[in-house]
Amino acid sequence: MADQQLQCRDCGGSFTFTDGEQEFYASKNLSAPQRCKDCRSKRKSERLATRQMHQAVCAKCGAQCEVPFKPRPVEEGGKPVLCKDCFFAERQAQA
């Protein structure tokens, strides 16, 4: 595959969709990006800035933490909540 020049849907600028990026997107069954890197970053930070966080207690270590969803008690069908450290530790252990 050759590099492609794409046009950003937000700023209208041209950006390069490299051969390596195309292979990565194809391996994940993703469509080509519609925004340049700067506009993607800006959009992501806007989304994160408006995200409502909720207080929770880690089911593994008992630490207070914040999560981007409203936790439900396990007794009511919710899943155990993990703090960031425990979440990534468990994720690595499964890999």
N, C-alpha and C. Protein backbone atom coordinates (compact mmCIF):
# COMPACT_ATOMS: atom_id res chain seq x y z
N MET A 1 0.85 -1.18 0.00
CA MET A 1 0.00 0.00 0.00
C MET A 1 0.89 1.25 0.00
N ALA A 2 0.45 2.23 -0.69
CA ALA A 2 1.17 3.51 -0.72
C ALA A 2 0.50 4.48 0.25
N ASP A 3 1.28 5.46 0.73
CA ASP A 3 0.71 6.49 1.59
C ASP A 3 -0.43 7.19 0.85
N GLN A 4 -1.45 7.59 1.61
CA GLN A 4 -2.59 8.30 1.03
C GLN A 4 -2.68 9.70 1.63
N GLN A 5 -3.08 10.65 0.83
CA GLN A 5 -3.35 12.01 1.31
C GLN A 5 -4.85 12.11 1.52
N LEU A 6 -5.26 12.40 2.76
CA LEU A 6 -6.68 12.53 3.09
C LEU A 6 -6.97 13.96 3.51
N GLN A 7 -8.23 14.33 3.44
CA GLN A 7 -8.65 15.67 3.84
C GLN A 7 -9.43 15.58 5.14
N CYS A 8 -9.03 16.40 6.12
CA CYS A 8 -9.67 16.42 7.43
C CYS A 8 -11.07 16.99 7.32
N ARG A 9 -12.03 16.31 7.91
CA ARG A 9 -13.42 16.77 7.85
C ARG A 9 -13.67 17.98 8.74
N ASP A 10 -12.78 18.26 9.72
CA ASP A 10 -12.98 19.41 10.60
C ASP A 10 -12.28 20.67 10.08
N CYS A 11 -10.97 20.57 9.86
CA CYS A 11 -10.22 21.77 9.46
C CYS A 11 -10.02 21.88 7.96
N GLY A 12 -10.29 20.81 7.22
CA GLY A 12 -10.13 20.84 5.77
C GLY A 12 -8.70 20.65 5.30
N GLY A 13 -7.78 20.55 6.22
CA GLY A 13 -6.37 20.37 5.86
C GLY A 13 -6.10 18.97 5.35
N SER A 14 -4.98 18.84 4.66
CA SER A 14 -4.56 17.55 4.12
C SER A 14 -3.63 16.87 5.13
N PHE A 15 -3.76 15.55 5.27
CA PHE A 15 -2.86 14.80 6.13
C PHE A 15 -2.55 13.46 5.50
N THR A 16 -1.42 12.89 5.89
CA THR A 16 -0.94 11.63 5.31
C THR A 16 -1.42 10.45 6.15
N PHE A 17 -2.02 9.51 5.47
CA PHE A 17 -2.42 8.23 6.06
C PHE A 17 -1.37 7.23 5.58
N THR A 18 -0.37 6.97 6.44
CA THR A 18 0.79 6.19 6.01
C THR A 18 0.46 4.73 5.75
N ASP A 19 1.37 4.08 5.07
CA ASP A 19 1.24 2.66 4.77
C ASP A 19 1.09 1.85 6.06
N GLY A 20 1.92 2.16 7.06
CA GLY A 20 1.86 1.46 8.35
C GLY A 20 0.53 1.68 9.06
N GLU A 21 0.04 2.92 9.02
CA GLU A 21 -1.26 3.22 9.64
C GLU A 21 -2.38 2.46 8.93
N GLN A 22 -2.30 2.39 7.60
CA GLN A 22 -3.32 1.67 6.84
C GLN A 22 -3.34 0.19 7.23
N GLU A 23 -2.16 -0.40 7.39
CA GLU A 23 -2.09 -1.81 7.79
C GLU A 23 -2.69 -2.01 9.19
N PHE A 24 -2.35 -1.09 10.12
CA PHE A 24 -2.88 -1.18 11.47
C PHE A 24 -4.41 -1.06 11.46
N TYR A 25 -4.93 -0.06 10.77
CA TYR A 25 -6.38 0.14 10.70
C TYR A 25 -7.06 -1.10 10.10
N ALA A 26 -6.46 -1.65 9.04
CA ALA A 26 -7.04 -2.84 8.38
C ALA A 26 -7.03 -4.03 9.33
N SER A 27 -5.95 -4.19 10.12
CA SER A 27 -5.87 -5.33 11.04
C SER A 27 -6.92 -5.25 12.14
N LYS A 28 -7.39 -4.04 12.46
CA LYS A 28 -8.41 -3.84 13.49
C LYS A 28 -9.80 -3.65 12.88
N ASN A 29 -9.90 -3.83 11.56
CA ASN A 29 -11.17 -3.62 10.84
C ASN A 29 -11.74 -2.23 11.05
N LEU A 30 -10.86 -1.22 11.04
CA LEU A 30 -11.28 0.17 11.20
C LEU A 30 -11.29 0.85 9.84
N SER A 31 -12.17 1.83 9.69
CA SER A 31 -12.17 2.61 8.46
C SER A 31 -11.11 3.70 8.58
N ALA A 32 -10.74 4.29 7.47
CA ALA A 32 -9.70 5.32 7.44
C ALA A 32 -10.12 6.51 8.31
N PRO A 33 -9.16 7.18 8.94
CA PRO A 33 -9.50 8.33 9.78
C PRO A 33 -10.07 9.46 8.94
N GLN A 34 -10.97 10.22 9.53
CA GLN A 34 -11.59 11.34 8.82
C GLN A 34 -11.07 12.68 9.32
N ARG A 35 -10.26 12.63 10.39
CA ARG A 35 -9.70 13.86 10.97
C ARG A 35 -8.19 13.74 11.05
N CYS A 36 -7.51 14.88 10.93
CA CYS A 36 -6.06 14.90 11.09
C CYS A 36 -5.72 14.67 12.56
N LYS A 37 -4.45 14.43 12.84
CA LYS A 37 -4.03 14.11 14.20
C LYS A 37 -4.38 15.23 15.18
N ASP A 38 -4.15 16.49 14.78
CA ASP A 38 -4.47 17.62 15.67
C ASP A 38 -5.96 17.69 15.98
N CYS A 39 -6.80 17.53 14.98
CA CYS A 39 -8.25 17.59 15.20
C CYS A 39 -8.75 16.39 16.01
N ARG A 40 -8.13 15.21 15.81
CA ARG A 40 -8.50 14.04 16.63
C ARG A 40 -8.14 14.29 18.09
N SER A 41 -6.95 14.85 18.33
CA SER A 41 -6.52 15.14 19.70
C SER A 41 -7.42 16.18 20.35
N LYS A 42 -7.76 17.22 19.61
CA LYS A 42 -8.64 18.27 20.13
C LYS A 42 -10.01 17.69 20.49
N ARG A 43 -10.55 16.88 19.61
CA ARG A 43 -11.87 16.28 19.84
C ARG A 43 -11.84 15.35 21.06
N LYS A 44 -10.75 14.58 21.21
CA LYS A 44 -10.62 13.67 22.34
C LYS A 44 -10.55 14.45 23.64
N SER A 45 -9.74 15.53 23.68
CA SER A 45 -9.65 16.29 24.93
C SER A 45 -10.96 16.98 25.27
N GLU A 46 -11.72 17.42 24.29
CA GLU A 46 -13.03 18.01 24.56
C GLU A 46 -13.97 16.96 25.15
N ARG A 47 -13.90 15.75 24.61
CA ARG A 47 -14.75 14.66 25.10
C ARG A 47 -14.38 14.29 26.53
N LEU A 48 -13.08 14.22 26.81
CA LEU A 48 -12.63 13.86 28.16
C LEU A 48 -12.95 14.96 29.16
N ALA A 49 -12.93 16.22 28.73
CA ALA A 49 -13.20 17.33 29.64
C ALA A 49 -14.65 17.33 30.11
N THR A 50 -15.54 16.82 29.30
CA THR A 50 -16.96 16.82 29.67
C THR A 50 -17.41 15.51 30.30
N ARG A 51 -16.50 14.56 30.39
CA ARG A 51 -16.84 13.25 30.96
C ARG A 51 -17.11 13.37 32.46
N GLN A 52 -18.23 12.84 32.88
CA GLN A 52 -18.58 12.87 34.30
C GLN A 52 -17.95 11.65 34.97
N MET A 53 -17.24 11.91 36.06
CA MET A 53 -16.59 10.83 36.80
C MET A 53 -17.40 10.53 38.07
N HIS A 54 -17.32 9.28 38.53
CA HIS A 54 -18.07 8.84 39.70
C HIS A 54 -17.10 8.21 40.71
N GLN A 55 -17.39 8.42 41.98
CA GLN A 55 -16.57 7.85 43.06
C GLN A 55 -16.88 6.36 43.20
N ALA A 56 -15.84 5.59 43.50
CA ALA A 56 -16.00 4.15 43.69
C ALA A 56 -14.89 3.65 44.63
N VAL A 57 -15.04 2.40 45.05
CA VAL A 57 -14.03 1.74 45.87
C VAL A 57 -13.56 0.52 45.09
N CYS A 58 -12.25 0.37 44.94
CA CYS A 58 -11.68 -0.75 44.19
C CYS A 58 -12.02 -2.06 44.89
N ALA A 59 -12.54 -3.00 44.11
CA ALA A 59 -12.93 -4.30 44.66
C ALA A 59 -11.71 -5.16 45.01
N LYS A 60 -10.55 -4.81 44.49
CA LYS A 60 -9.36 -5.63 44.72
C LYS A 60 -8.52 -5.08 45.88
N CYS A 61 -8.21 -3.76 45.85
CA CYS A 61 -7.31 -3.22 46.88
C CYS A 61 -8.01 -2.31 47.89
N GLY A 62 -9.27 -1.95 47.64
CA GLY A 62 -10.04 -1.13 48.56
C GLY A 62 -9.77 0.36 48.48
N ALA A 63 -8.97 0.79 47.50
CA ALA A 63 -8.64 2.21 47.35
C ALA A 63 -9.82 2.99 46.77
N GLN A 64 -9.93 4.25 47.17
CA GLN A 64 -10.91 5.14 46.56
C GLN A 64 -10.44 5.46 45.15
N CYS A 65 -11.37 5.51 44.20
CA CYS A 65 -11.01 5.82 42.82
C CYS A 65 -12.19 6.49 42.13
N GLU A 66 -11.92 7.01 40.94
CA GLU A 66 -12.97 7.60 40.11
C GLU A 66 -13.06 6.79 38.83
N VAL A 67 -14.28 6.56 38.37
CA VAL A 67 -14.51 5.81 37.14
C VAL A 67 -15.47 6.59 36.25
N PRO A 68 -15.39 6.39 34.91
CA PRO A 68 -16.23 7.16 33.99
C PRO A 68 -17.63 6.57 33.78
N PHE A 69 -18.09 5.78 34.72
CA PHE A 69 -19.44 5.21 34.65
C PHE A 69 -20.00 5.15 36.07
N LYS A 70 -21.29 5.08 36.18
CA LYS A 70 -21.91 5.01 37.50
C LYS A 70 -21.90 3.55 37.95
N PRO A 71 -21.08 3.24 38.97
CA PRO A 71 -21.01 1.84 39.42
C PRO A 71 -22.30 1.37 40.08
N ARG A 72 -22.65 0.13 39.80
CA ARG A 72 -23.80 -0.50 40.46
C ARG A 72 -23.28 -1.55 41.41
N PRO A 73 -23.94 -1.74 42.54
CA PRO A 73 -23.51 -2.80 43.47
C PRO A 73 -23.57 -4.17 42.79
N VAL A 74 -22.63 -5.02 43.14
CA VAL A 74 -22.57 -6.37 42.57
C VAL A 74 -23.87 -7.11 42.86
N GLU A 75 -24.44 -6.86 44.04
CA GLU A 75 -25.70 -7.53 44.40
C GLU A 75 -26.84 -7.16 43.46
N GLU A 76 -26.71 -6.01 42.79
CA GLU A 76 -27.76 -5.56 41.85
C GLU A 76 -27.37 -5.80 40.40
N GLY A 77 -26.43 -6.72 40.18
CA GLY A 77 -26.04 -7.07 38.82
C GLY A 77 -24.86 -6.30 38.27
N GLY A 78 -24.27 -5.43 39.09
CA GLY A 78 -23.11 -4.67 38.65
C GLY A 78 -21.85 -5.53 38.68
N LYS A 79 -20.81 -5.05 38.04
CA LYS A 79 -19.53 -5.74 38.03
C LYS A 79 -18.61 -5.11 39.05
N PRO A 80 -17.63 -5.86 39.56
CA PRO A 80 -16.67 -5.28 40.49
C PRO A 80 -15.90 -4.15 39.82
N VAL A 81 -15.67 -3.06 40.55
CA VAL A 81 -14.95 -1.91 40.03
C VAL A 81 -13.49 -2.01 40.48
N LEU A 82 -12.58 -1.75 39.54
CA LEU A 82 -11.16 -1.77 39.86
C LEU A 82 -10.57 -0.38 39.66
N CYS A 83 -9.62 -0.02 40.53
CA CYS A 83 -8.90 1.24 40.34
C CYS A 83 -8.01 1.08 39.11
N LYS A 84 -7.45 2.17 38.65
CA LYS A 84 -6.63 2.15 37.44
C LYS A 84 -5.46 1.16 37.56
N ASP A 85 -4.76 1.20 38.70
CA ASP A 85 -3.60 0.31 38.88
C ASP A 85 -4.01 -1.16 38.85
N CYS A 86 -5.07 -1.52 39.57
CA CYS A 86 -5.53 -2.92 39.60
C CYS A 86 -6.08 -3.35 38.24
N PHE A 87 -6.76 -2.44 37.57
CA PHE A 87 -7.31 -2.74 36.25
C PHE A 87 -6.20 -3.12 35.28
N PHE A 88 -5.14 -2.28 35.21
CA PHE A 88 -4.05 -2.55 34.27
C PHE A 88 -3.23 -3.76 34.69
N ALA A 89 -3.07 -3.97 36.00
CA ALA A 89 -2.34 -5.16 36.48
C ALA A 89 -3.08 -6.43 36.08
N GLU A 90 -4.39 -6.43 36.23
CA GLU A 90 -5.20 -7.60 35.86
C GLU A 90 -5.19 -7.80 34.34
N ARG A 91 -5.22 -6.71 33.61
CA ARG A 91 -5.21 -6.78 32.16
C ARG A 91 -3.90 -7.39 31.65
N GLN A 92 -2.77 -6.99 32.28
CA GLN A 92 -1.48 -7.55 31.88
C GLN A 92 -1.36 -9.02 32.24
N ALA A 93 -1.96 -9.39 33.37
CA ALA A 93 -1.91 -10.79 33.81
C ALA A 93 -2.67 -11.70 32.84
N GLN A 94 -3.69 -11.15 32.19
CA GLN A 94 -4.49 -11.93 31.25
C GLN A 94 -3.83 -12.04 29.89
N ALA A 95 -2.89 -11.13 29.59
CA ALA A 95 -2.23 -11.12 28.27
C ALA A 95 -1.19 -12.18 28.11
